[in-house]
Amino acid sequence: MIVGIFLRHIKTYKGINFIPLSDGEKFCGLVGNNGIGKSTILEALDKIFLSHKEWNINLSHNKSQDDSNIPYIVPIFLIEKDKVTFDAKELEVVQVIDKSIKQIKATNLP
């Protein structure tokens, strides 16, 4: 289940944005006024799952050449722990990622 998505400089979203899509239940609805980014979220997910699609980058972002300003799309998945098995090396990587994610606070996000 996808519970959220991070978008950076994608279509209507400038900077880094976290868009929650679910609270862990099995339903998600995107509602709101025209022009607030509902279609952008769906287009970003479409890009993730159908990689042949082109990126729809926000053209007003600073086009610096370093990695600090590269547009990205990062879906956040919720996976039941008992449905996945890891070997020792994979488990080590997952634990590092888990620890890093747990340090993120909502106040650090726009």
PDB file of N, CA and C in Angstrom:
ATOM      1  N   MET A   1       0.835  -1.164   0.000  1.00  0.00           N
ATOM      2  CA  MET A   1       0.000   0.000   0.000  1.00  0.00           C
ATOM      3  C   MET A   1       0.891   1.242   0.000  1.00  0.00           C
ATOM      4  N   ILE A   2       0.567   2.191  -0.841  1.00  0.00           N
ATOM      5  CA  ILE A   2       1.280   3.462  -0.853  1.00  0.00           C
ATOM      6  C   ILE A   2       0.584   4.382   0.146  1.00  0.00           C
ATOM      7  N   VAL A   3       1.327   4.848   1.144  1.00  0.00           N
ATOM      8  CA  VAL A   3       0.738   5.706   2.180  1.00  0.00           C
ATOM      9  C   VAL A   3       1.054   7.181   1.970  1.00  0.00           C
ATOM     10  N   GLY A   4       1.990   7.483   1.090  1.00  0.00           N
ATOM     11  CA  GLY A   4       2.336   8.875   0.825  1.00  0.00           C
ATOM     12  C   GLY A   4       3.345   8.966  -0.296  1.00  0.00           C
ATOM     13  N   ILE A   5       3.645  10.190  -0.671  1.00  0.00           N
ATOM     14  CA  ILE A   5       4.607  10.410  -1.746  1.00  0.00           C
ATOM     15  C   ILE A   5       5.339  11.727  -1.489  1.00  0.00           C
ATOM     16  N   PHE A   6       6.647  11.715  -1.711  1.00  0.00           N
ATOM     17  CA  PHE A   6       7.442  12.938  -1.685  1.00  0.00           C
ATOM     18  C   PHE A   6       7.610  13.400  -3.126  1.00  0.00           C
ATOM     19  N   LEU A   7       7.332  14.668  -3.371  1.00  0.00           N
ATOM     20  CA  LEU A   7       7.525  15.260  -4.689  1.00  0.00           C
ATOM     21  C   LEU A   7       8.423  16.476  -4.544  1.00  0.00           C
ATOM     22  N   ARG A   8       9.349  16.614  -5.457  1.00  0.00           N
ATOM     23  CA  ARG A   8      10.230  17.779  -5.454  1.00  0.00           C
ATOM     24  C   ARG A   8      10.311  18.332  -6.872  1.00  0.00           C
ATOM     25  N   HIS A   9       9.864  19.569  -7.041  1.00  0.00           N
ATOM     26  CA  HIS A   9       9.887  20.273  -8.324  1.00  0.00           C
ATOM     27  C   HIS A   9       9.168  19.485  -9.420  1.00  0.00           C
ATOM     28  N   ILE A  10       8.009  18.928  -9.086  1.00  0.00           N
ATOM     29  CA  ILE A  10       7.205  18.203 -10.067  1.00  0.00           C
ATOM     30  C   ILE A  10       5.921  18.989 -10.315  1.00  0.00           C
ATOM     31  N   LYS A  11       5.718  19.394 -11.530  1.00  0.00           N
ATOM     32  CA  LYS A  11       4.548  20.109 -12.012  1.00  0.00           C
ATOM     33  C   LYS A  11       4.158  21.258 -11.083  1.00  0.00           C
ATOM     34  N   THR A  12       3.065  21.158 -10.332  1.00  0.00           N
ATOM     35  CA  THR A  12       2.605  22.274  -9.490  1.00  0.00           C
ATOM     36  C   THR A  12       3.331  22.364  -8.158  1.00  0.00           C
ATOM     37  N   TYR A  13       4.129  21.368  -7.821  1.00  0.00           N
ATOM     38  CA  TYR A  13       4.806  21.340  -6.520  1.00  0.00           C
ATOM     39  C   TYR A  13       6.232  21.888  -6.633  1.00  0.00           C
ATOM     40  N   LYS A  14       6.497  22.974  -5.907  1.00  0.00           N
ATOM     41  CA  LYS A  14       7.842  23.551  -5.839  1.00  0.00           C
ATOM     42  C   LYS A  14       8.498  23.061  -4.554  1.00  0.00           C
ATOM     43  N   GLY A  15       9.798  22.919  -4.553  1.00  0.00           N
ATOM     44  CA  GLY A  15      10.498  22.474  -3.351  1.00  0.00           C
ATOM     45  C   GLY A  15      10.145  21.033  -3.019  1.00  0.00           C
ATOM     46  N   ILE A  16      10.366  20.656  -1.763  1.00  0.00           N
ATOM     47  CA  ILE A  16      10.087  19.290  -1.291  1.00  0.00           C
ATOM     48  C   ILE A  16       8.721  19.282  -0.617  1.00  0.00           C
ATOM     49  N   ASN A  17       7.868  18.357  -1.036  1.00  0.00           N
ATOM     50  CA  ASN A  17       6.523  18.248  -0.494  1.00  0.00           C
ATOM     51  C   ASN A  17       6.211  16.809  -0.157  1.00  0.00           C
ATOM     52  N   PHE A  18       5.600  16.580   1.021  1.00  0.00           N
ATOM     53  CA  PHE A  18       5.090  15.252   1.361  1.00  0.00           C
ATOM     54  C   PHE A  18       3.580  15.305   1.263  1.00  0.00           C
ATOM     55  N   ILE A  19       3.011  14.387   0.483  1.00  0.00           N
ATOM     56  CA  ILE A  19       1.570  14.310   0.322  1.00  0.00           C
ATOM     57  C   ILE A  19       1.106  12.978   0.896  1.00  0.00           C
ATOM     58  N   PRO A  20       0.406  12.999   2.041  1.00  0.00           N
ATOM     59  CA  PRO A  20      -0.107  11.744   2.598  1.00  0.00           C
ATOM     60  C   PRO A  20      -1.263  11.247   1.730  1.00  0.00           C
ATOM     61  N   LEU A  21      -1.270   9.950   1.449  1.00  0.00           N
ATOM     62  CA  LEU A  21      -2.322   9.372   0.623  1.00  0.00           C
ATOM     63  C   LEU A  21      -3.227   8.432   1.408  1.00  0.00           C
ATOM     64  N   SER A  22      -2.774   7.971   2.558  1.00  0.00           N
ATOM     65  CA  SER A  22      -3.564   7.038   3.347  1.00  0.00           C
ATOM     66  C   SER A  22      -3.085   7.066   4.785  1.00  0.00           C
ATOM     67  N   ASP A  23      -3.981   6.711   5.677  1.00  0.00           N
ATOM     68  CA  ASP A  23      -3.601   6.574   7.082  1.00  0.00           C
ATOM     69  C   ASP A  23      -3.416   5.104   7.447  1.00  0.00           C
ATOM     70  N   GLY A  24      -3.267   4.264   6.440  1.00  0.00           N
ATOM     71  CA  GLY A  24      -3.082   2.835   6.657  1.00  0.00           C
ATOM     72  C   GLY A  24      -4.333   2.034   6.381  1.00  0.00           C
ATOM     73  N   GLU A  25      -5.436   2.705   6.117  1.00  0.00           N
ATOM     74  CA  GLU A  25      -6.671   2.020   5.736  1.00  0.00           C
ATOM     75  C   GLU A  25      -6.598   1.699   4.247  1.00  0.00           C
ATOM     76  N   LYS A  26      -7.641   1.089   3.713  1.00  0.00           N
ATOM     77  CA  LYS A  26      -7.596   0.637   2.330  1.00  0.00           C
ATOM     78  C   LYS A  26      -8.261   1.596   1.344  1.00  0.00           C
ATOM     79  N   PHE A  27      -8.480   2.859   1.732  1.00  0.00           N
ATOM     80  CA  PHE A  27      -9.138   3.798   0.843  1.00  0.00           C
ATOM     81  C   PHE A  27      -8.374   5.113   0.798  1.00  0.00           C
ATOM     82  N   CYS A  28      -8.324   5.694  -0.371  1.00  0.00           N
ATOM     83  CA  CYS A  28      -7.701   7.008  -0.540  1.00  0.00           C
ATOM     84  C   CYS A  28      -8.546   7.800  -1.524  1.00  0.00           C
ATOM     85  N   GLY A  29      -8.815   9.033  -1.188  1.00  0.00           N
ATOM     86  CA  GLY A  29      -9.531   9.921  -2.092  1.00  0.00           C
ATOM     87  C   GLY A  29      -8.765  11.219  -2.226  1.00  0.00           C
ATOM     88  N   LEU A  30      -8.653  11.716  -3.431  1.00  0.00           N
ATOM     89  CA  LEU A  30      -8.002  13.004  -3.676  1.00  0.00           C
ATOM     90  C   LEU A  30      -9.086  13.991  -4.073  1.00  0.00           C
ATOM     91  N   VAL A  31      -9.363  14.948  -3.206  1.00  0.00           N
ATOM     92  CA  VAL A  31     -10.396  15.945  -3.476  1.00  0.00           C
ATOM     93  C   VAL A  31      -9.831  17.334  -3.221  1.00  0.00           C
ATOM     94  N   GLY A  32     -10.399  18.321  -3.874  1.00  0.00           N
ATOM     95  CA  GLY A  32      -9.978  19.698  -3.660  1.00  0.00           C
ATOM     96  C   GLY A  32     -10.261  20.558  -4.869  1.00  0.00           C
ATOM     97  N   ASN A  33      -9.947  21.828  -4.745  1.00  0.00           N
ATOM     98  CA  ASN A  33     -10.163  22.796  -5.819  1.00  0.00           C
ATOM     99  C   ASN A  33      -9.277  22.495  -7.015  1.00  0.00           C
ATOM    100  N   ASN A  34      -9.652  23.070  -8.144  1.00  0.00           N
ATOM    101  CA  ASN A  34      -8.838  22.943  -9.354  1.00  0.00           C
ATOM    102  C   ASN A  34      -7.473  23.576  -9.130  1.00  0.00           C
ATOM    103  N   GLY A  35      -6.431  22.953  -9.677  1.00  0.00           N
ATOM    104  CA  GLY A  35      -5.096  23.531  -9.659  1.00  0.00           C
ATOM    105  C   GLY A  35      -4.298  23.323  -8.387  1.00  0.00           C
ATOM    106  N   ILE A  36      -4.757  22.443  -7.468  1.00  0.00           N
ATOM    107  CA  ILE A  36      -3.999  22.256  -6.228  1.00  0.00           C
ATOM    108  C   ILE A  36      -3.054  21.066  -6.269  1.00  0.00           C
ATOM    109  N   GLY A  37      -3.121  20.234  -7.337  1.00  0.00           N
ATOM    110  CA  GLY A  37      -2.133  19.173  -7.492  1.00  0.00           C
ATOM    111  C   GLY A  37      -2.648  17.749  -7.461  1.00  0.00           C
ATOM    112  N   LYS A  38      -3.957  17.541  -7.539  1.00  0.00           N
ATOM    113  CA  LYS A  38      -4.500  16.169  -7.524  1.00  0.00           C
ATOM    114  C   LYS A  38      -3.970  15.362  -8.706  1.00  0.00           C
ATOM    115  N   SER A  39      -4.062  15.944  -9.890  1.00  0.00           N
ATOM    116  CA  SER A  39      -3.589  15.246 -11.093  1.00  0.00           C
ATOM    117  C   SER A  39      -2.081  15.060 -11.069  1.00  0.00           C
ATOM    118  N   THR A  40      -1.367  16.001 -10.478  1.00  0.00           N
ATOM    119  CA  THR A  40       0.091  15.898 -10.376  1.00  0.00           C
ATOM    120  C   THR A  40       0.478  14.651  -9.588  1.00  0.00           C
ATOM    121  N   ILE A  41      -0.230  14.387  -8.498  1.00  0.00           N
ATOM    122  CA  ILE A  41       0.050  13.195  -7.679  1.00  0.00           C
ATOM    123  C   ILE A  41      -0.160  11.940  -8.508  1.00  0.00           C
ATOM    124  N   LEU A  42      -1.263  11.879  -9.230  1.00  0.00           N
ATOM    125  CA  LEU A  42      -1.544  10.703 -10.054  1.00  0.00           C
ATOM    126  C   LEU A  42      -0.534  10.561 -11.187  1.00  0.00           C
ATOM    127  N   GLU A  43      -0.135  11.673 -11.802  1.00  0.00           N
ATOM    128  CA  GLU A  43       0.871  11.629 -12.870  1.00  0.00           C
ATOM    129  C   GLU A  43       2.222  11.172 -12.326  1.00  0.00           C
ATOM    130  N   ALA A  44       2.566  11.587 -11.114  1.00  0.00           N
ATOM    131  CA  ALA A  44       3.833  11.167 -10.506  1.00  0.00           C
ATOM    132  C   ALA A  44       3.822   9.663 -10.243  1.00  0.00           C
ATOM    133  N   LEU A  45       2.715   9.151  -9.724  1.00  0.00           N
ATOM    134  CA  LEU A  45       2.613   7.706  -9.499  1.00  0.00           C
ATOM    135  C   LEU A  45       2.647   6.953 -10.823  1.00  0.00           C
ATOM    136  N   ASP A  46       2.010   7.509 -11.833  1.00  0.00           N
ATOM    137  CA  ASP A  46       2.038   6.912 -13.165  1.00  0.00           C
ATOM    138  C   ASP A  46       3.474   6.839 -13.679  1.00  0.00           C
ATOM    139  N   LYS A  47       4.257   7.886 -13.438  1.00  0.00           N
ATOM    140  CA  LYS A  47       5.670   7.912 -13.855  1.00  0.00           C
ATOM    141  C   LYS A  47       6.465   6.825 -13.143  1.00  0.00           C
ATOM    142  N   ILE A  48       6.192   6.634 -11.843  1.00  0.00           N
ATOM    143  CA  ILE A  48       6.907   5.608 -11.072  1.00  0.00           C
ATOM    144  C   ILE A  48       6.640   4.211 -11.635  1.00  0.00           C
ATOM    145  N   PHE A  49       5.375   3.915 -11.945  1.00  0.00           N
ATOM    146  CA  PHE A  49       5.018   2.564 -12.372  1.00  0.00           C
ATOM    147  C   PHE A  49       5.140   2.346 -13.875  1.00  0.00           C
ATOM    148  N   LEU A  50       5.144   3.416 -14.653  1.00  0.00           N
ATOM    149  CA  LEU A  50       5.313   3.325 -16.108  1.00  0.00           C
ATOM    150  C   LEU A  50       6.475   4.226 -16.486  1.00  0.00           C
ATOM    151  N   SER A  51       7.680   3.747 -16.305  1.00  0.00           N
ATOM    152  CA  SER A  51       8.876   4.581 -16.400  1.00  0.00           C
ATOM    153  C   SER A  51       9.104   5.200 -17.778  1.00  0.00           C
ATOM    154  N   HIS A  52       8.386   4.758 -18.794  1.00  0.00           N
ATOM    155  CA  HIS A  52       8.583   5.348 -20.126  1.00  0.00           C
ATOM    156  C   HIS A  52       7.964   6.749 -20.230  1.00  0.00           C
ATOM    157  N   LYS A  53       7.142   7.123 -19.269  1.00  0.00           N
ATOM    158  CA  LYS A  53       6.541   8.463 -19.273  1.00  0.00           C
ATOM    159  C   LYS A  53       7.605   9.516 -18.983  1.00  0.00           C
ATOM    160  N   GLU A  54       7.423  10.714 -19.534  1.00  0.00           N
ATOM    161  CA  GLU A  54       8.364  11.801 -19.278  1.00  0.00           C
ATOM    162  C   GLU A  54       8.038  12.496 -17.969  1.00  0.00           C
ATOM    163  N   TRP A  55       9.059  13.067 -17.334  1.00  0.00           N
ATOM    164  CA  TRP A  55       8.887  13.842 -16.106  1.00  0.00           C
ATOM    165  C   TRP A  55       8.234  15.169 -16.451  1.00  0.00           C
ATOM    166  N   ASN A  56       7.305  15.594 -15.622  1.00  0.00           N
ATOM    167  CA  ASN A  56       6.670  16.896 -15.786  1.00  0.00           C
ATOM    168  C   ASN A  56       7.248  17.811 -14.702  1.00  0.00           C
ATOM    169  N   ILE A  57       8.414  18.385 -14.980  1.00  0.00           N
ATOM    170  CA  ILE A  57       9.168  19.163 -13.998  1.00  0.00           C
ATOM    171  C   ILE A  57       8.612  20.576 -13.892  1.00  0.00           C
ATOM    172  N   ASN A  58       8.601  21.107 -12.677  1.00  0.00           N
ATOM    173  CA  ASN A  58       8.215  22.496 -12.430  1.00  0.00           C
ATOM    174  C   ASN A  58       9.300  23.382 -13.020  1.00  0.00           C
ATOM    175  N   LEU A  59       8.949  24.135 -14.041  1.00  0.00           N
ATOM    176  CA  LEU A  59       9.939  24.920 -14.782  1.00  0.00           C
ATOM    177  C   LEU A  59      10.450  26.138 -14.028  1.00  0.00           C
ATOM    178  N   SER A  60       9.774  26.546 -12.963  1.00  0.00           N
ATOM    179  CA  SER A  60      10.214  27.740 -12.246  1.00  0.00           C
ATOM    180  C   SER A  60      11.252  27.446 -11.170  1.00  0.00           C
ATOM    181  N   HIS A  61      11.604  26.165 -10.962  1.00  0.00           N
ATOM    182  CA  HIS A  61      12.604  25.871  -9.931  1.00  0.00           C
ATOM    183  C   HIS A  61      14.001  26.277 -10.404  1.00  0.00           C
ATOM    184  N   ASN A  62      14.868  26.504  -9.448  1.00  0.00           N
ATOM    185  CA  ASN A  62      16.252  26.878  -9.736  1.00  0.00           C
ATOM    186  C   ASN A  62      16.942  25.711 -10.433  1.00  0.00           C
ATOM    187  N   LYS A  63      17.467  25.924 -11.601  1.00  0.00           N
ATOM    188  CA  LYS A  63      18.078  24.843 -12.376  1.00  0.00           C
ATOM    189  C   LYS A  63      19.561  24.684 -12.062  1.00  0.00           C
ATOM    190  N   SER A  64      19.884  24.600 -10.792  1.00  0.00           N
ATOM    191  CA  SER A  64      21.290  24.410 -10.422  1.00  0.00           C
ATOM    192  C   SER A  64      21.741  23.028 -10.866  1.00  0.00           C
ATOM    193  N   GLN A  65      23.017  22.870 -11.075  1.00  0.00           N
ATOM    194  CA  GLN A  65      23.566  21.628 -11.591  1.00  0.00           C
ATOM    195  C   GLN A  65      23.957  20.630 -10.500  1.00  0.00           C
ATOM    196  N   ASP A  66      23.893  21.035  -9.227  1.00  0.00           N
ATOM    197  CA  ASP A  66      24.279  20.096  -8.174  1.00  0.00           C
ATOM    198  C   ASP A  66      23.084  19.254  -7.727  1.00  0.00           C
ATOM    199  N   ASP A  67      23.358  18.232  -6.924  1.00  0.00           N
ATOM    200  CA  ASP A  67      22.328  17.302  -6.491  1.00  0.00           C
ATOM    201  C   ASP A  67      21.314  17.902  -5.514  1.00  0.00           C
ATOM    202  N   SER A  68      21.585  19.094  -4.995  1.00  0.00           N
ATOM    203  CA  SER A  68      20.704  19.670  -3.987  1.00  0.00           C
ATOM    204  C   SER A  68      19.384  20.171  -4.554  1.00  0.00           C
ATOM    205  N   ASN A  69      19.210  20.158  -5.851  1.00  0.00           N
ATOM    206  CA  ASN A  69      18.002  20.721  -6.443  1.00  0.00           C
ATOM    207  C   ASN A  69      17.374  19.826  -7.515  1.00  0.00           C
ATOM    208  N   ILE A  70      17.725  18.573  -7.546  1.00  0.00           N
ATOM    209  CA  ILE A  70      17.221  17.654  -8.560  1.00  0.00           C
ATOM    210  C   ILE A  70      15.771  17.276  -8.248  1.00  0.00           C
ATOM    211  N   PRO A  71      14.871  17.361  -9.244  1.00  0.00           N
ATOM    212  CA  PRO A  71      13.493  16.919  -9.029  1.00  0.00           C
ATOM    213  C   PRO A  71      13.447  15.419  -8.722  1.00  0.00           C
ATOM    214  N   TYR A  72      12.509  15.026  -7.869  1.00  0.00           N
ATOM    215  CA  TYR A  72      12.336  13.596  -7.604  1.00  0.00           C
ATOM    216  C   TYR A  72      10.916  13.257  -7.203  1.00  0.00           C
ATOM    217  N   ILE A  73      10.609  11.957  -7.330  1.00  0.00           N
ATOM    218  CA  ILE A  73       9.331  11.370  -6.926  1.00  0.00           C
ATOM    219  C   ILE A  73       9.674  10.162  -6.062  1.00  0.00           C
ATOM    220  N   VAL A  74       9.210  10.152  -4.812  1.00  0.00           N
ATOM    221  CA  VAL A  74       9.519   9.049  -3.904  1.00  0.00           C
ATOM    222  C   VAL A  74       8.230   8.550  -3.252  1.00  0.00           C
ATOM    223  N   PRO A  75       7.684   7.417  -3.723  1.00  0.00           N
ATOM    224  CA  PRO A  75       6.501   6.869  -3.051  1.00  0.00           C
ATOM    225  C   PRO A  75       6.913   6.200  -1.733  1.00  0.00           C
ATOM    226  N   ILE A  76       6.036   6.269  -0.736  1.00  0.00           N
ATOM    227  CA  ILE A  76       6.273   5.641   0.563  1.00  0.00           C
ATOM    228  C   ILE A  76       5.293   4.479   0.694  1.00  0.00           C
ATOM    229  N   PHE A  77       5.832   3.268   0.837  1.00  0.00           N
ATOM    230  CA  PHE A  77       5.020   2.066   0.917  1.00  0.00           C
ATOM    231  C   PHE A  77       4.892   1.574   2.351  1.00  0.00           C
ATOM    232  N   LEU A  78       3.730   1.027   2.686  1.00  0.00           N
ATOM    233  CA  LEU A  78       3.508   0.356   3.957  1.00  0.00           C
ATOM    234  C   LEU A  78       3.433  -1.139   3.650  1.00  0.00           C
ATOM    235  N   ILE A  79       4.371  -1.899   4.226  1.00  0.00           N
ATOM    236  CA  ILE A  79       4.455  -3.336   3.953  1.00  0.00           C
ATOM    237  C   ILE A  79       4.378  -4.078   5.278  1.00  0.00           C
ATOM    238  N   GLU A  80       3.515  -5.084   5.347  1.00  0.00           N
ATOM    239  CA  GLU A  80       3.416  -5.887   6.563  1.00  0.00           C
ATOM    240  C   GLU A  80       4.724  -6.629   6.776  1.00  0.00           C
ATOM    241  N   LYS A  81       5.291  -6.461   7.978  1.00  0.00           N
ATOM    242  CA  LYS A  81       6.611  -7.007   8.291  1.00  0.00           C
ATOM    243  C   LYS A  81       6.672  -8.527   8.117  1.00  0.00           C
ATOM    244  N   ASP A  82       5.618  -9.232   8.499  1.00  0.00           N
ATOM    245  CA  ASP A  82       5.653 -10.691   8.420  1.00  0.00           C
ATOM    246  C   ASP A  82       5.470 -11.226   7.007  1.00  0.00           C
ATOM    247  N   LYS A  83       5.223 -10.350   6.032  1.00  0.00           N
ATOM    248  CA  LYS A  83       5.058 -10.785   4.639  1.00  0.00           C
ATOM    249  C   LYS A  83       6.359 -10.701   3.842  1.00  0.00           C
ATOM    250  N   VAL A  84       7.434 -10.213   4.493  1.00  0.00           N
ATOM    251  CA  VAL A  84       8.708 -10.013   3.797  1.00  0.00           C
ATOM    252  C   VAL A  84       9.817 -10.732   4.557  1.00  0.00           C
ATOM    253  N   THR A  85      10.702 -11.391   3.809  1.00  0.00           N
ATOM    254  CA  THR A  85      11.867 -12.004   4.433  1.00  0.00           C
ATOM    255  C   THR A  85      13.131 -11.415   3.820  1.00  0.00           C
ATOM    256  N   PHE A  86      14.134 -11.220   4.662  1.00  0.00           N
ATOM    257  CA  PHE A  86      15.392 -10.634   4.222  1.00  0.00           C
ATOM    258  C   PHE A  86      16.544 -11.527   4.628  1.00  0.00           C
ATOM    259  N   ASP A  87      17.591 -11.551   3.796  1.00  0.00           N
ATOM    260  CA  ASP A  87      18.816 -12.193   4.243  1.00  0.00           C
ATOM    261  C   ASP A  87      19.531 -11.189   5.156  1.00  0.00           C
ATOM    262  N   ALA A  88      20.639 -11.574   5.750  1.00  0.00           N
ATOM    263  CA  ALA A  88      21.319 -10.745   6.757  1.00  0.00           C
ATOM    264  C   ALA A  88      21.732  -9.383   6.198  1.00  0.00           C
ATOM    265  N   LYS A  89      22.269  -9.355   4.985  1.00  0.00           N
ATOM    266  CA  LYS A  89      22.716  -8.089   4.383  1.00  0.00           C
ATOM    267  C   LYS A  89      21.534  -7.169   4.083  1.00  0.00           C
ATOM    268  N   GLU A  90      20.472  -7.731   3.521  1.00  0.00           N
ATOM    269  CA  GLU A  90      19.271  -6.938   3.237  1.00  0.00           C
ATOM    270  C   GLU A  90      18.654  -6.394   4.525  1.00  0.00           C
ATOM    271  N   LEU A  91      18.625  -7.214   5.557  1.00  0.00           N
ATOM    272  CA  LEU A  91      18.074  -6.791   6.843  1.00  0.00           C
ATOM    273  C   LEU A  91      18.862  -5.617   7.414  1.00  0.00           C
ATOM    274  N   GLU A  92      20.179  -5.650   7.258  1.00  0.00           N
ATOM    275  CA  GLU A  92      21.027  -4.564   7.727  1.00  0.00           C
ATOM    276  C   GLU A  92      20.680  -3.248   7.018  1.00  0.00           C
ATOM    277  N   VAL A  93      20.490  -3.308   5.699  1.00  0.00           N
ATOM    278  CA  VAL A  93      20.124  -2.121   4.924  1.00  0.00           C
ATOM    279  C   VAL A  93      18.740  -1.611   5.355  1.00  0.00           C
ATOM    280  N   VAL A  94      17.789  -2.510   5.510  1.00  0.00           N
ATOM    281  CA  VAL A  94      16.437  -2.123   5.922  1.00  0.00           C
ATOM    282  C   VAL A  94      16.459  -1.463   7.297  1.00  0.00           C
ATOM    283  N   GLN A  95      17.268  -1.975   8.204  1.00  0.00           N
ATOM    284  CA  GLN A  95      17.347  -1.390   9.544  1.00  0.00           C
ATOM    285  C   GLN A  95      17.934   0.022   9.510  1.00  0.00           C
ATOM    286  N   VAL A  96      18.910   0.260   8.639  1.00  0.00           N
ATOM    287  CA  VAL A  96      19.481   1.604   8.495  1.00  0.00           C
ATOM    288  C   VAL A  96      18.421   2.561   7.939  1.00  0.00           C
ATOM    289  N   ILE A  97      17.695   2.131   6.924  1.00  0.00           N
ATOM    290  CA  ILE A  97      16.636   2.959   6.344  1.00  0.00           C
ATOM    291  C   ILE A  97      15.550   3.226   7.382  1.00  0.00           C
ATOM    292  N   ASP A  98      15.139   2.193   8.105  1.00  0.00           N
ATOM    293  CA  ASP A  98      14.111   2.331   9.135  1.00  0.00           C
ATOM    294  C   ASP A  98      14.523   3.344  10.204  1.00  0.00           C
ATOM    295  N   LYS A  99      15.747   3.246  10.655  1.00  0.00           N
ATOM    296  CA  LYS A  99      16.251   4.169  11.676  1.00  0.00           C
ATOM    297  C   LYS A  99      16.258   5.607  11.157  1.00  0.00           C
ATOM    298  N   SER A 100      16.677   5.787   9.906  1.00  0.00           N
ATOM    299  CA  SER A 100      16.714   7.127   9.309  1.00  0.00           C
ATOM    300  C   SER A 100      15.319   7.720   9.189  1.00  0.00           C
ATOM    301  N   ILE A 101      14.377   6.923   8.721  1.00  0.00           N
ATOM    302  CA  ILE A 101      13.004   7.405   8.535  1.00  0.00           C
ATOM    303  C   ILE A 101      12.366   7.772   9.872  1.00  0.00           C
ATOM    304  N   LYS A 102      12.653   7.020  10.905  1.00  0.00           N
ATOM    305  CA  LYS A 102      12.065   7.299  12.219  1.00  0.00           C
ATOM    306  C   LYS A 102      12.563   8.606  12.811  1.00  0.00           C
ATOM    307  N   GLN A 103      13.647   9.152  12.275  1.00  0.00           N
ATOM    308  CA  GLN A 103      14.186  10.425  12.767  1.00  0.00           C
ATOM    309  C   GLN A 103      13.526  11.619  12.084  1.00  0.00           C
ATOM    310  N   ILE A 104      12.756  11.372  11.033  1.00  0.00           N
ATOM    311  CA  ILE A 104      12.070  12.460  10.329  1.00  0.00           C
ATOM    312  C   ILE A 104      10.895  12.924  11.175  1.00  0.00           C
ATOM    313  N   LYS A 105      10.788  14.215  11.354  1.00  0.00           N
ATOM    314  CA  LYS A 105       9.689  14.820  12.112  1.00  0.00           C
ATOM    315  C   LYS A 105       8.820  15.631  11.152  1.00  0.00           C
ATOM    316  N   ALA A 106       7.538  15.684  11.418  1.00  0.00           N
ATOM    317  CA  ALA A 106       6.621  16.440  10.569  1.00  0.00           C
ATOM    318  C   ALA A 106       7.012  17.912  10.499  1.00  0.00           C
ATOM    319  N   THR A 107       7.614  18.428  11.543  1.00  0.00           N
ATOM    320  CA  THR A 107       8.008  19.837  11.552  1.00  0.00           C
ATOM    321  C   THR A 107       9.163  20.121  10.594  1.00  0.00           C
ATOM    322  N   ASN A 108       9.860  19.082  10.128  1.00  0.00           N
ATOM    323  CA  ASN A 108      10.956  19.259   9.179  1.00  0.00           C
ATOM    324  C   ASN A 108      10.477  19.310   7.724  1.00  0.00           C
ATOM    325  N   LEU A 109       9.206  19.013   7.512  1.00  0.00           N
ATOM    326  CA  LEU A 109       8.662  18.952   6.156  1.00  0.00           C
ATOM    327  C   LEU A 109       7.837  20.195   5.854  1.00  0.00           C
ATOM    328  N   PRO A 110       7.863  20.633   4.597  1.00  0.00           N
ATOM    329  CA  PRO A 110       7.027  21.805   4.243  1.00  0.00           C
ATOM    330  C   PRO A 110       5.540  21.439   4.256  1.00  0.00           C
TER     331      PRO A 110
END
